[in-house]
PDB file of N, CA and C in Angstrom:
ATOM      1  N   MET A   1     -58.436  -3.347 116.101  1.00  0.00           N
ATOM      2  CA  MET A   1     -58.802  -2.177 115.054  1.00  0.00           C
ATOM      3  C   MET A   1     -60.277  -1.742 115.890  1.00  0.00           C
ATOM      4  N   MET A   2     -61.255  -2.503 116.000  1.00  0.00           N
ATOM      5  CA  MET A   2     -62.513  -2.279 116.247  1.00  0.00           C
ATOM      6  C   MET A   2     -62.297  -1.548 117.489  1.00  0.00           C
ATOM      7  N   GLY A   3     -61.529  -1.554 118.315  1.00  0.00           N
ATOM      8  CA  GLY A   3     -61.742  -0.607 119.640  1.00  0.00           C
ATOM      9  C   GLY A   3     -60.801   0.652 119.153  1.00  0.00           C
ATOM     10  N   PHE A   4     -60.155   0.726 118.172  1.00  0.00           N
ATOM     11  CA  PHE A   4     -59.718   2.150 117.568  1.00  0.00           C
ATOM     12  C   PHE A   4     -61.060   2.957 117.171  1.00  0.00           C
ATOM     13  N   MET A   5     -61.480   2.092 116.724  1.00  0.00           N
ATOM     14  CA  MET A   5     -62.740   2.677 115.732  1.00  0.00           C
ATOM     15  C   MET A   5     -63.805   3.141 116.708  1.00  0.00           C
ATOM     16  N   MET A   6     -64.325   2.668 117.692  1.00  0.00           N
ATOM     17  CA  MET A   6     -65.357   2.875 118.438  1.00  0.00           C
ATOM     18  C   MET A   6     -64.890   3.907 119.379  1.00  0.00           C
ATOM     19  N   TRP A   7     -63.667   4.008 119.525  1.00  0.00           N
ATOM     20  CA  TRP A   7     -62.902   5.412 120.368  1.00  0.00           C
ATOM     21  C   TRP A   7     -62.884   6.654 119.482  1.00  0.00           C
ATOM     22  N   MET A   8     -62.432   6.423 118.172  1.00  0.00           N
ATOM     23  CA  MET A   8     -62.759   7.302 117.096  1.00  0.00           C
ATOM     24  C   MET A   8     -64.281   7.897 117.032  1.00  0.00           C
ATOM     25  N   ALA A   9     -65.548   6.813 117.744  1.00  0.00           N
ATOM     26  CA  ALA A   9     -66.302   7.238 116.962  1.00  0.00           C
ATOM     27  C   ALA A   9     -67.185   8.121 118.191  1.00  0.00           C
ATOM     28  N   GLY A  10     -66.598   8.217 119.254  1.00  0.00           N
ATOM     29  CA  GLY A  10     -67.002   9.182 119.977  1.00  0.00           C
ATOM     30  C   GLY A  10     -68.159   8.752 121.205  1.00  0.00           C
ATOM     31  N   SER A  11     -69.026   9.735 121.941  1.00  0.00           N
ATOM     32  CA  SER A  11     -69.155   8.877 123.089  1.00  0.00           C
ATOM     33  C   SER A  11     -71.241   9.235 122.788  1.00  0.00           C
ATOM     34  N   THR A  12     -71.290  10.387 121.854  1.00  0.00           N
ATOM     35  CA  THR A  12     -72.465  11.063 120.993  1.00  0.00           C
ATOM     36  C   THR A  12     -73.379   9.862 120.305  1.00  0.00           C
ATOM     37  N   VAL A  13     -74.761  10.131 120.173  1.00  0.00           N
ATOM     38  CA  VAL A  13     -75.581   8.594 119.488  1.00  0.00           C
ATOM     39  C   VAL A  13     -75.490   9.610 118.179  1.00  0.00           C
ATOM     40  N   HIS A  14     -74.869   9.110 117.149  1.00  0.00           N
ATOM     41  CA  HIS A  14     -75.463   9.475 115.815  1.00  0.00           C
ATOM     42  C   HIS A  14     -74.915   8.457 114.700  1.00  0.00           C
ATOM     43  N   LEU A  15     -75.287   8.728 113.540  1.00  0.00           N
ATOM     44  CA  LEU A  15     -75.002   7.420 112.707  1.00  0.00           C
ATOM     45  C   LEU A  15     -73.981   6.808 112.579  1.00  0.00           C
ATOM     46  N   PHE A  16     -72.929   7.362 112.511  1.00  0.00           N
ATOM     47  CA  PHE A  16     -71.301   6.675 112.586  1.00  0.00           C
ATOM     48  C   PHE A  16     -70.886   5.753 113.946  1.00  0.00           C
ATOM     49  N   SER A  17     -71.408   6.532 114.827  1.00  0.00           N
ATOM     50  CA  SER A  17     -71.094   5.632 116.286  1.00  0.00           C
ATOM     51  C   SER A  17     -72.051   4.297 116.450  1.00  0.00           C
ATOM     52  N   ILE A  18     -73.451   4.408 115.984  1.00  0.00           N
ATOM     53  CA  ILE A  18     -74.178   3.585 115.840  1.00  0.00           C
ATOM     54  C   ILE A  18     -74.085   2.536 115.199  1.00  0.00           C
ATOM     55  N   GLY A  19     -73.403   2.879 114.025  1.00  0.00           N
ATOM     56  CA  GLY A  19     -73.021   1.556 113.129  1.00  0.00           C
ATOM     57  C   GLY A  19     -71.389   0.993 113.432  1.00  0.00           C
ATOM     58  N   ILE A  20     -70.477   1.530 114.177  1.00  0.00           N
ATOM     59  CA  ILE A  20     -69.806   0.964 114.408  1.00  0.00           C
ATOM     60  C   ILE A  20     -69.903   0.333 115.496  1.00  0.00           C
ATOM     61  N   THR A  21     -70.861   0.581 116.525  1.00  0.00           N
ATOM     62  CA  THR A  21     -71.414  -0.174 117.976  1.00  0.00           C
ATOM     63  C   THR A  21     -71.836  -1.544 116.997  1.00  0.00           C
ATOM     64  N   PHE A  22     -72.760  -1.053 116.267  1.00  0.00           N
ATOM     65  CA  PHE A  22     -73.157  -2.573 116.131  1.00  0.00           C
ATOM     66  C   PHE A  22     -72.548  -3.290 115.106  1.00  0.00           C
ATOM     67  N   SER A  23     -71.384  -2.910 114.253  1.00  0.00           N
ATOM     68  CA  SER A  23     -70.616  -3.874 113.578  1.00  0.00           C
ATOM     69  C   SER A  23     -69.711  -4.529 114.692  1.00  0.00           C
ATOM     70  N   ALA A  24     -69.334  -3.873 115.813  1.00  0.00           N
ATOM     71  CA  ALA A  24     -69.031  -4.477 116.916  1.00  0.00           C
ATOM     72  C   ALA A  24     -69.336  -5.577 117.397  1.00  0.00           C
ATOM     73  N   LEU A  25     -71.187  -5.468 117.630  1.00  0.00           N
ATOM     74  CA  LEU A  25     -71.264  -6.543 118.298  1.00  0.00           C
ATOM     75  C   LEU A  25     -71.815  -7.574 117.174  1.00  0.00           C
ATOM     76  N   TRP A  26     -71.598  -6.987 115.833  1.00  0.00           N
ATOM     77  CA  TRP A  26     -72.323  -8.103 114.964  1.00  0.00           C
ATOM     78  C   TRP A  26     -70.697  -9.347 114.582  1.00  0.00           C
ATOM     79  N   GLN A  27     -69.922  -8.681 114.304  1.00  0.00           N
ATOM     80  CA  GLN A  27     -68.639  -9.475 114.348  1.00  0.00           C
ATOM     81  C   GLN A  27     -68.030 -10.544 115.205  1.00  0.00           C
ATOM     82  N   PRO A  28     -68.220 -10.030 116.323  1.00  0.00           N
ATOM     83  CA  PRO A  28     -67.914 -11.483 117.444  1.00  0.00           C
ATOM     84  C   PRO A  28     -68.923 -12.543 117.303  1.00  0.00           C
ATOM     85  N   ILE A  29     -70.306 -12.423 117.158  1.00  0.00           N
ATOM     86  CA  ILE A  29     -71.047 -13.197 117.296  1.00  0.00           C
ATOM     87  C   ILE A  29     -71.293 -14.075 116.006  1.00  0.00           C
ATOM     88  N   SER A  30     -71.071 -12.991 114.846  1.00  0.00           N
ATOM     89  CA  SER A  30     -71.218 -14.024 113.704  1.00  0.00           C
ATOM     90  C   SER A  30     -69.819 -15.043 113.560  1.00  0.00           C
ATOM     91  N   ALA A  31     -68.569 -14.758 114.375  1.00  0.00           N
ATOM     92  CA  ALA A  31     -67.394 -15.598 114.485  1.00  0.00           C
ATOM     93  C   ALA A  31     -67.628 -16.580 115.306  1.00  0.00           C
ATOM     94  N   LEU A  32     -68.510 -16.341 116.479  1.00  0.00           N
ATOM     95  CA  LEU A  32     -68.642 -17.392 117.632  1.00  0.00           C
ATOM     96  C   LEU A  32     -69.382 -18.547 116.692  1.00  0.00           C
ATOM     97  N   GLN A  33     -70.611 -18.099 115.894  1.00  0.00           N
ATOM     98  CA  GLN A  33     -71.128 -19.219 114.893  1.00  0.00           C
ATOM     99  C   GLN A  33     -70.437 -20.012 114.152  1.00  0.00           C
ATOM    100  N   GLY A  34     -69.124 -19.196 113.454  1.00  0.00           N
ATOM    101  CA  GLY A  34     -68.225 -20.254 112.428  1.00  0.00           C
ATOM    102  C   GLY A  34     -67.266 -20.841 113.357  1.00  0.00           C
ATOM    103  N   VAL A  35     -67.155 -21.108 114.507  1.00  0.00           N
ATOM    104  CA  VAL A  35     -65.874 -20.976 115.128  1.00  0.00           C
ATOM    105  C   VAL A  35     -65.357 -22.591 114.549  1.00  0.00           C
ATOM    106  N   GLY A  36     -66.230 -23.408 114.176  1.00  0.00           N
ATOM    107  CA  GLY A  36     -66.162 -24.828 113.558  1.00  0.00           C
ATOM    108  C   GLY A  36     -65.384 -24.781 112.035  1.00  0.00           C
ATOM    109  N   LYS A  37     -66.007 -23.915 111.578  1.00  0.00           N
ATOM    110  CA  LYS A  37     -65.556 -24.020 109.675  1.00  0.00           C
ATOM    111  C   LYS A  37     -64.036 -22.620 110.216  1.00  0.00           C
ATOM    112  N   VAL A  38     -63.626 -21.897 110.969  1.00  0.00           N
ATOM    113  CA  VAL A  38     -62.616 -21.358 111.032  1.00  0.00           C
ATOM    114  C   VAL A  38     -61.515 -22.505 111.279  1.00  0.00           C
ATOM    115  N   PHE A  39     -61.703 -23.502 112.417  1.00  0.00           N
ATOM    116  CA  PHE A  39     -60.299 -24.377 112.526  1.00  0.00           C
ATOM    117  C   PHE A  39     -60.547 -25.767 112.134  1.00  0.00           C
ATOM    118  N   GLU A  40     -61.600 -26.001 110.852  1.00  0.00           N
ATOM    119  CA  GLU A  40     -61.696 -27.153 110.056  1.00  0.00           C
ATOM    120  C   GLU A  40     -60.482 -27.231 108.895  1.00  0.00           C
ATOM    121  N   PRO A  41     -59.767 -26.603 108.689  1.00  0.00           N
ATOM    122  CA  PRO A  41     -58.478 -26.770 107.764  1.00  0.00           C
ATOM    123  C   PRO A  41     -57.401 -27.265 108.798  1.00  0.00           C
ATOM    124  N   TYR A  42     -57.481 -26.996 109.556  1.00  0.00           N
ATOM    125  CA  TYR A  42     -56.549 -27.227 110.961  1.00  0.00           C
ATOM    126  C   TYR A  42     -56.819 -28.239 111.407  1.00  0.00           C
ATOM    127  N   LYS A  43     -57.775 -29.297 111.200  1.00  0.00           N
ATOM    128  CA  LYS A  43     -58.473 -30.394 111.835  1.00  0.00           C
ATOM    129  C   LYS A  43     -57.614 -31.804 111.766  1.00  0.00           C
ATOM    130  N   ASP A  44     -56.949 -32.102 112.386  1.00  0.00           N
ATOM    131  CA  ASP A  44     -55.881 -33.137 112.427  1.00  0.00           C
ATOM    132  C   ASP A  44     -55.801 -34.100 113.655  1.00  0.00           C
ATOM    133  N   ASN A  45     -55.518 -35.115 113.655  1.00  0.00           N
ATOM    134  CA  ASN A  45     -55.498 -36.105 114.601  1.00  0.00           C
ATOM    135  C   ASN A  45     -54.182 -35.333 115.607  1.00  0.00           C
ATOM    136  N   LYS A  46     -53.194 -35.184 115.232  1.00  0.00           N
ATOM    137  CA  LYS A  46     -51.881 -34.892 115.627  1.00  0.00           C
ATOM    138  C   LYS A  46     -52.006 -33.704 116.368  1.00  0.00           C
ATOM    139  N   VAL A  47     -52.946 -32.777 115.741  1.00  0.00           N
ATOM    140  CA  VAL A  47     -52.723 -31.106 116.513  1.00  0.00           C
ATOM    141  C   VAL A  47     -54.481 -31.168 117.563  1.00  0.00           C
ATOM    142  N   GLU A  48     -54.043 -30.681 118.721  1.00  0.00           N
ATOM    143  CA  GLU A  48     -54.784 -30.313 119.648  1.00  0.00           C
ATOM    144  C   GLU A  48     -55.485 -28.920 119.425  1.00  0.00           C
ATOM    145  N   LEU A  49     -56.734 -28.882 119.013  1.00  0.00           N
ATOM    146  CA  LEU A  49     -57.291 -27.497 118.891  1.00  0.00           C
ATOM    147  C   LEU A  49     -57.930 -26.718 119.892  1.00  0.00           C
ATOM    148  N   LEU A  50     -58.111 -27.634 121.164  1.00  0.00           N
ATOM    149  CA  LEU A  50     -58.977 -27.388 122.162  1.00  0.00           C
ATOM    150  C   LEU A  50     -58.437 -25.937 122.825  1.00  0.00           C
ATOM    151  N   GLY A  51     -57.190 -25.679 122.954  1.00  0.00           N
ATOM    152  CA  GLY A  51     -56.696 -24.799 123.521  1.00  0.00           C
ATOM    153  C   GLY A  51     -57.206 -23.395 122.570  1.00  0.00           C
ATOM    154  N   PRO A  52     -56.689 -23.578 121.237  1.00  0.00           N
ATOM    155  CA  PRO A  52     -56.587 -22.182 120.219  1.00  0.00           C
ATOM    156  C   PRO A  52     -58.314 -21.888 120.351  1.00  0.00           C
ATOM    157  N   LYS A  53     -59.074 -22.912 119.803  1.00  0.00           N
ATOM    158  CA  LYS A  53     -60.436 -22.514 120.051  1.00  0.00           C
ATOM    159  C   LYS A  53     -60.981 -21.851 120.944  1.00  0.00           C
ATOM    160  N   LEU A  54     -60.787 -22.480 122.318  1.00  0.00           N
ATOM    161  CA  LEU A  54     -61.161 -21.387 123.636  1.00  0.00           C
ATOM    162  C   LEU A  54     -60.338 -20.168 123.579  1.00  0.00           C
ATOM    163  N   LEU A  55     -59.303 -20.161 123.129  1.00  0.00           N
ATOM    164  CA  LEU A  55     -58.836 -18.486 122.825  1.00  0.00           C
ATOM    165  C   LEU A  55     -59.599 -17.637 122.000  1.00  0.00           C
ATOM    166  N   PHE A  56     -59.974 -18.313 120.867  1.00  0.00           N
ATOM    167  CA  PHE A  56     -60.580 -17.691 119.913  1.00  0.00           C
ATOM    168  C   PHE A  56     -61.900 -17.479 120.550  1.00  0.00           C
ATOM    169  N   ILE A  57     -62.589 -18.126 121.179  1.00  0.00           N
ATOM    170  CA  ILE A  57     -63.856 -17.956 121.947  1.00  0.00           C
ATOM    171  C   ILE A  57     -63.882 -17.012 122.925  1.00  0.00           C
ATOM    172  N   ALA A  58     -62.634 -16.932 123.667  1.00  0.00           N
ATOM    173  CA  ALA A  58     -62.583 -15.500 124.959  1.00  0.00           C
ATOM    174  C   ALA A  58     -62.096 -14.750 124.182  1.00  0.00           C
ATOM    175  N   LEU A  59     -61.191 -14.618 122.809  1.00  0.00           N
ATOM    176  CA  LEU A  59     -61.203 -13.171 122.643  1.00  0.00           C
ATOM    177  C   LEU A  59     -62.237 -12.425 121.932  1.00  0.00           C
ATOM    178  N   ASN A  60     -62.904 -13.559 121.215  1.00  0.00           N
ATOM    179  CA  ASN A  60     -64.361 -12.928 120.659  1.00  0.00           C
ATOM    180  C   ASN A  60     -65.313 -12.518 121.502  1.00  0.00           C
ATOM    181  N   LEU A  61     -65.444 -13.165 122.735  1.00  0.00           N
ATOM    182  CA  LEU A  61     -66.037 -12.612 123.910  1.00  0.00           C
ATOM    183  C   LEU A  61     -65.635 -11.426 124.657  1.00  0.00           C
ATOM    184  N   GLY A  62     -64.477 -11.113 124.411  1.00  0.00           N
ATOM    185  CA  GLY A  62     -64.234  -9.794 124.960  1.00  0.00           C
ATOM    186  C   GLY A  62     -64.416  -9.137 124.174  1.00  0.00           C
ATOM    187  N   GLY A  63     -64.391  -8.960 122.883  1.00  0.00           N
ATOM    188  CA  GLY A  63     -64.812  -7.801 121.519  1.00  0.00           C
ATOM    189  C   GLY A  63     -66.189  -7.618 121.860  1.00  0.00           C
ATOM    190  N   LEU A  64     -67.229  -8.805 122.054  1.00  0.00           N
ATOM    191  CA  LEU A  64     -68.281  -8.650 122.199  1.00  0.00           C
ATOM    192  C   LEU A  64     -69.011  -7.937 123.367  1.00  0.00           C
ATOM    193  N   ALA A  65     -67.914  -8.179 124.361  1.00  0.00           N
ATOM    194  CA  ALA A  65     -67.992  -7.290 126.218  1.00  0.00           C
ATOM    195  C   ALA A  65     -67.517  -5.724 125.576  1.00  0.00           C
ATOM    196  N   LEU A  66     -66.616  -5.478 124.491  1.00  0.00           N
ATOM    197  CA  LEU A  66     -66.396  -4.004 124.194  1.00  0.00           C
ATOM    198  C   LEU A  66     -67.571  -3.564 123.297  1.00  0.00           C
ATOM    199  N   GLY A  67     -68.270  -4.604 122.523  1.00  0.00           N
ATOM    200  CA  GLY A  67     -69.663  -3.761 121.949  1.00  0.00           C
ATOM    201  C   GLY A  67     -70.448  -3.432 122.837  1.00  0.00           C
ATOM    202  N   VAL A  68     -70.855  -4.186 124.256  1.00  0.00           N
ATOM    203  CA  VAL A  68     -71.699  -4.116 125.125  1.00  0.00           C
ATOM    204  C   VAL A  68     -71.458  -2.643 125.622  1.00  0.00           C
ATOM    205  N   TRP A  69     -69.870  -2.458 126.070  1.00  0.00           N
ATOM    206  CA  TRP A  69     -69.425  -1.328 126.861  1.00  0.00           C
ATOM    207  C   TRP A  69     -69.933  -0.150 126.186  1.00  0.00           C
ATOM    208  N   LYS A  70     -69.604  -0.072 124.817  1.00  0.00           N
ATOM    209  CA  LYS A  70     -70.090   0.824 124.173  1.00  0.00           C
ATOM    210  C   LYS A  70     -71.116   1.186 123.815  1.00  0.00           C
ATOM    211  N   LEU A  71     -72.368   0.212 123.969  1.00  0.00           N
ATOM    212  CA  LEU A  71     -73.624   0.443 124.118  1.00  0.00           C
ATOM    213  C   LEU A  71     -73.738   1.156 125.175  1.00  0.00           C
ATOM    214  N   ASN A  72     -73.801   0.797 126.306  1.00  0.00           N
ATOM    215  CA  ASN A  72     -73.763   1.417 127.561  1.00  0.00           C
ATOM    216  C   ASN A  72     -73.366   2.738 127.619  1.00  0.00           C
ATOM    217  N   THR A  73     -71.878   3.215 127.010  1.00  0.00           N
ATOM    218  CA  THR A  73     -71.367   4.387 126.805  1.00  0.00           C
ATOM    219  C   THR A  73     -72.328   5.307 126.039  1.00  0.00           C
ATOM    220  N   LEU A  74     -72.817   4.884 124.983  1.00  0.00           N
ATOM    221  CA  LEU A  74     -73.919   5.506 124.289  1.00  0.00           C
ATOM    222  C   LEU A  74     -75.266   5.712 125.016  1.00  0.00           C
ATOM    223  N   GLY A  75     -75.205   5.161 126.039  1.00  0.00           N
ATOM    224  CA  GLY A  75     -76.673   5.228 126.736  1.00  0.00           C
ATOM    225  C   GLY A  75     -78.034   4.405 126.236  1.00  0.00           C
ATOM    226  N   LEU A  76     -77.348   3.427 125.111  1.00  0.00           N
ATOM    227  CA  LEU A  76     -78.585   2.536 124.328  1.00  0.00           C
ATOM    228  C   LEU A  76     -78.853   1.251 125.390  1.00  0.00           C
ATOM    229  N   LEU A  77     -78.212   0.967 126.656  1.00  0.00           N
ATOM    230  CA  LEU A  77     -78.576  -0.039 127.321  1.00  0.00           C
ATOM    231  C   LEU A  77     -79.811   0.168 128.428  1.00  0.00           C
ATOM    232  N   PRO A  78     -80.562  -0.222 128.540  1.00  0.00           N
ATOM    233  CA  PRO A  78     -81.652  -0.090 129.825  1.00  0.00           C
ATOM    234  C   PRO A  78     -80.906  -0.694 130.858  1.00  0.00           C
ATOM    235  N   THR A  79     -80.551   0.153 131.835  1.00  0.00           N
ATOM    236  CA  THR A  79     -79.881   0.003 132.923  1.00  0.00           C
ATOM    237  C   THR A  79     -80.363   0.557 134.043  1.00  0.00           C
ATOM    238  N   HIS A  80     -81.505   1.664 133.994  1.00  0.00           N
ATOM    239  CA  HIS A  80     -81.836   2.373 134.512  1.00  0.00           C
ATOM    240  C   HIS A  80     -83.470   1.999 135.023  1.00  0.00           C
ATOM    241  N   ALA A  81     -83.926   2.154 136.237  1.00  0.00           N
ATOM    242  CA  ALA A  81     -85.684   1.757 136.070  1.00  0.00           C
ATOM    243  C   ALA A  81     -86.521   2.642 135.464  1.00  0.00           C
ATOM    244  N   SER A  82     -86.020   4.121 135.587  1.00  0.00           N
ATOM    245  CA  SER A  82     -86.411   5.045 134.274  1.00  0.00           C
ATOM    246  C   SER A  82     -86.877   4.266 132.543  1.00  0.00           C
ATOM    247  N   ASP A  83     -85.941   3.617 132.558  1.00  0.00           N
ATOM    248  CA  ASP A  83     -85.690   2.699 130.981  1.00  0.00           C
ATOM    249  C   ASP A  83     -87.218   2.097 130.938  1.00  0.00           C
ATOM    250  N   TRP A  84     -87.590   1.403 131.716  1.00  0.00           N
ATOM    251  CA  TRP A  84     -88.396   0.302 131.711  1.00  0.00           C
ATOM    252  C   TRP A  84     -89.968   0.951 132.353  1.00  0.00           C
ATOM    253  N   VAL A  85     -90.179   2.301 132.322  1.00  0.00           N
ATOM    254  CA  VAL A  85     -91.307   3.045 133.030  1.00  0.00           C
ATOM    255  C   VAL A  85     -92.470   2.656 131.910  1.00  0.00           C
ATOM    256  N   SER A  86     -92.270   2.396 130.602  1.00  0.00           N
ATOM    257  CA  SER A  86     -93.683   2.252 129.752  1.00  0.00           C
ATOM    258  C   SER A  86     -93.856   0.621 129.970  1.00  0.00           C
ATOM    259  N   SER A  87     -93.295  -0.243 130.491  1.00  0.00           N
ATOM    260  CA  SER A  87     -93.988  -1.355 130.691  1.00  0.00           C
ATOM    261  C   SER A  87     -94.542  -1.597 132.201  1.00  0.00           C
ATOM    262  N   LEU A  88     -94.383  -0.374 132.596  1.00  0.00           N
ATOM    263  CA  LEU A  88     -94.828  -0.437 134.289  1.00  0.00           C
ATOM    264  C   LEU A  88     -96.452  -0.037 133.978  1.00  0.00           C
ATOM    265  N   SER A  89     -97.470  -0.913 134.755  1.00  0.00           N
ATOM    266  CA  SER A  89     -98.805  -0.284 134.851  1.00  0.00           C
ATOM    267  C   SER A  89     -98.898   1.042 135.463  1.00  0.00           C
ATOM    268  N   PRO A  90     -99.944   2.050 135.351  1.00  0.00           N
ATOM    269  CA  PRO A  90    -100.526   3.170 135.537  1.00  0.00           C
ATOM    270  C   PRO A  90    -100.544   3.123 137.206  1.00  0.00           C
ATOM    271  N   ALA A  91    -100.203   4.189 137.721  1.00  0.00           N
ATOM    272  CA  ALA A  91    -100.533   4.098 139.350  1.00  0.00           C
ATOM    273  C   ALA A  91    -101.766   4.312 139.282  1.00  0.00           C
ATOM    274  N   GLN A  92    -102.437   3.667 140.540  1.00  0.00           N
ATOM    275  CA  GLN A  92    -103.714   3.475 140.842  1.00  0.00           C
ATOM    276  C   GLN A  92    -103.829   4.948 141.789  1.00  0.00           C
ATOM    277  N   VAL A  93    -105.157   5.636 141.284  1.00  0.00           N
ATOM    278  CA  VAL A  93    -105.503   6.937 142.343  1.00  0.00           C
ATOM    279  C   VAL A  93    -106.408   6.852 142.972  1.00  0.00           C
ATOM    280  N   TYR A  94    -106.249   6.819 144.395  1.00  0.00           N
ATOM    281  CA  TYR A  94    -107.418   6.588 145.516  1.00  0.00           C
ATOM    282  C   TYR A  94    -107.822   7.788 145.940  1.00  0.00           C
ATOM    283  N   PRO A  95    -109.264   7.761 145.948  1.00  0.00           N
ATOM    284  CA  PRO A  95    -110.099   9.005 146.404  1.00  0.00           C
ATOM    285  C   PRO A  95    -109.854   9.344 148.047  1.00  0.00           C
ATOM    286  N   PHE A  96    -108.717  10.304 148.124  1.00  0.00           N
ATOM    287  CA  PHE A  96    -108.676  10.586 149.390  1.00  0.00           C
ATOM    288  C   PHE A  96    -108.993  12.305 149.614  1.00  0.00           C
ATOM    289  N   PHE A  97    -109.581  12.733 150.799  1.00  0.00           N
ATOM    290  CA  PHE A  97    -109.413  14.186 150.857  1.00  0.00           C
ATOM    291  C   PHE A  97    -108.162  14.837 150.807  1.00  0.00           C
ATOM    292  N   LEU A  98    -107.810  16.189 150.247  1.00  0.00           N
ATOM    293  CA  LEU A  98    -106.321  16.419 150.097  1.00  0.00           C
ATOM    294  C   LEU A  98    -106.551  17.888 151.037  1.00  0.00           C
ATOM    295  N   PHE A  99    -105.983  18.237 151.894  1.00  0.00           N
ATOM    296  CA  PHE A  99    -105.860  19.231 152.787  1.00  0.00           C
ATOM    297  C   PHE A  99    -104.755  20.307 152.433  1.00  0.00           C
ATOM    298  N   ALA A 100    -105.231  21.380 152.486  1.00  0.00           N
ATOM    299  CA  ALA A 100    -103.945  22.732 151.900  1.00  0.00           C
ATOM    300  C   ALA A 100    -102.514  22.521 152.333  1.00  0.00           C
ATOM    301  N   SER A 101    -103.150  22.256 154.181  1.00  0.00           N
ATOM    302  CA  SER A 101    -101.914  22.381 154.920  1.00  0.00           C
ATOM    303  C   SER A 101    -101.215  21.047 155.333  1.00  0.00           C
ATOM    304  N   CYS A 102     -99.817  20.995 155.864  1.00  0.00           N
ATOM    305  CA  CYS A 102    -100.058  19.591 156.522  1.00  0.00           C
ATOM    306  C   CYS A 102    -100.414  19.506 157.917  1.00  0.00           C
ATOM    307  N   LYS A 103    -101.296  20.379 158.609  1.00  0.00           N
ATOM    308  CA  LYS A 103    -101.735  20.286 160.167  1.00  0.00           C
ATOM    309  C   LYS A 103    -103.203  19.502 159.342  1.00  0.00           C
ATOM    310  N   LEU A 104    -103.776  18.533 160.083  1.00  0.00           N
ATOM    311  CA  LEU A 104    -105.112  18.375 159.718  1.00  0.00           C
ATOM    312  C   LEU A 104    -105.918  18.793 161.233  1.00  0.00           C
ATOM    313  N   ASN A 105    -107.094  19.667 160.859  1.00  0.00           N
ATOM    314  CA  ASN A 105    -107.917  20.246 161.613  1.00  0.00           C
ATOM    315  C   ASN A 105    -108.678  18.659 161.840  1.00  0.00           C
ATOM    316  N   PHE A 106    -108.488  18.060 163.084  1.00  0.00           N
ATOM    317  CA  PHE A 106    -109.053  16.955 163.720  1.00  0.00           C
ATOM    318  C   PHE A 106    -110.803  17.462 164.257  1.00  0.00           C
ATOM    319  N   GLN A 107    -110.618  18.906 164.692  1.00  0.00           N
ATOM    320  CA  GLN A 107    -112.011  18.933 164.962  1.00  0.00           C
ATOM    321  C   GLN A 107    -113.165  18.844 163.663  1.00  0.00           C
ATOM    322  N   ILE A 108    -113.096  19.519 162.348  1.00  0.00           N
ATOM    323  CA  ILE A 108    -113.644  19.488 161.393  1.00  0.00           C
ATOM    324  C   ILE A 108    -113.750  18.009 160.942  1.00  0.00           C
ATOM    325  N   LEU A 109    -112.616  17.418 161.054  1.00  0.00           N
ATOM    326  CA  LEU A 109    -112.902  16.105 160.524  1.00  0.00           C
ATOM    327  C   LEU A 109    -113.833  14.995 161.411  1.00  0.00           C
ATOM    328  N   PHE A 110    -113.785  15.421 162.524  1.00  0.00           N
ATOM    329  CA  PHE A 110    -114.540  14.587 163.339  1.00  0.00           C
ATOM    330  C   PHE A 110    -115.870  15.152 163.162  1.00  0.00           C
ATOM    331  N   GLN A 111    -116.498  16.399 163.004  1.00  0.00           N
ATOM    332  CA  GLN A 111    -117.477  17.127 162.947  1.00  0.00           C
ATOM    333  C   GLN A 111    -118.278  16.166 161.429  1.00  0.00           C
ATOM    334  N   GLU A 112    -117.696  16.146 160.331  1.00  0.00           N
ATOM    335  CA  GLU A 112    -117.800  15.742 159.144  1.00  0.00           C
ATOM    336  C   GLU A 112    -118.173  14.226 159.395  1.00  0.00           C
ATOM    337  N   LEU A 113    -117.173  13.402 160.265  1.00  0.00           N
ATOM    338  CA  LEU A 113    -117.552  12.069 160.306  1.00  0.00           C
ATOM    339  C   LEU A 113    -119.131  11.777 161.201  1.00  0.00           C
ATOM    340  N   GLY A 114    -119.445  13.088 162.253  1.00  0.00           N
ATOM    341  CA  GLY A 114    -120.265  12.793 163.042  1.00  0.00           C
ATOM    342  C   GLY A 114    -121.381  13.187 161.965  1.00  0.00           C
ATOM    343  N   LYS A 115    -121.555  14.066 160.994  1.00  0.00           N
ATOM    344  CA  LYS A 115    -122.524  14.011 160.239  1.00  0.00           C
ATOM    345  C   LYS A 115    -122.845  12.570 159.164  1.00  0.00           C
ATOM    346  N   ILE A 116    -122.025  12.169 158.765  1.00  0.00           N
ATOM    347  CA  ILE A 116    -122.100  11.385 157.960  1.00  0.00           C
ATOM    348  C   ILE A 116    -122.807  10.063 158.845  1.00  0.00           C
ATOM    349  N   GLN A 117    -122.464   9.808 159.927  1.00  0.00           N
ATOM    350  CA  GLN A 117    -122.915   8.941 160.764  1.00  0.00           C
ATOM    351  C   GLN A 117    -124.441   8.897 161.044  1.00  0.00           C
ATOM    352  N   GLN A 118    -124.793  10.643 161.456  1.00  0.00           N
ATOM    353  CA  GLN A 118    -125.830  10.839 161.412  1.00  0.00           C
ATOM    354  C   GLN A 118    -126.844  10.394 160.621  1.00  0.00           C
ATOM    355  N   LEU A 119    -126.065  10.731 159.036  1.00  0.00           N
ATOM    356  CA  LEU A 119    -127.195  10.420 157.747  1.00  0.00           C
ATOM    357  C   LEU A 119    -127.356   9.129 157.794  1.00  0.00           C
ATOM    358  N   ASN A 120    -126.407   8.440 158.440  1.00  0.00           N
ATOM    359  CA  ASN A 120    -126.420   6.625 157.686  1.00  0.00           C
ATOM    360  C   ASN A 120    -127.505   6.029 158.806  1.00  0.00           C
ATOM    361  N   PHE A 121    -127.381   6.430 160.213  1.00  0.00           N
ATOM    362  CA  PHE A 121    -128.966   6.170 160.723  1.00  0.00           C
ATOM    363  C   PHE A 121    -130.358   6.815 160.886  1.00  0.00           C
TER     364      PHE A 121
END
């Protein structure tokens, strides 16, 4: 039923799709937290509950994966490097001389370096 609701919600970010998606995430998490309470009425020495508990956990993990997939479909998961740009430190700017063309005029460059060396001595 939740898969049908997520399909009906579409792939655009709006209030209904976000509500359905977070409901799809919350329901499996709360069900996984209450596994013991769900199977407590059936607890008996004659009945082995390990298999049904594992199936219950697997189905809820599948539902959780469906909710995470929907988050990714909506673009709400940080899966690209650009999603983490705010946590990166700013680029450091170093003082370099910029030339207008790709060709460097080495003669002018060496003349300027010579002037700088003459000033230092």
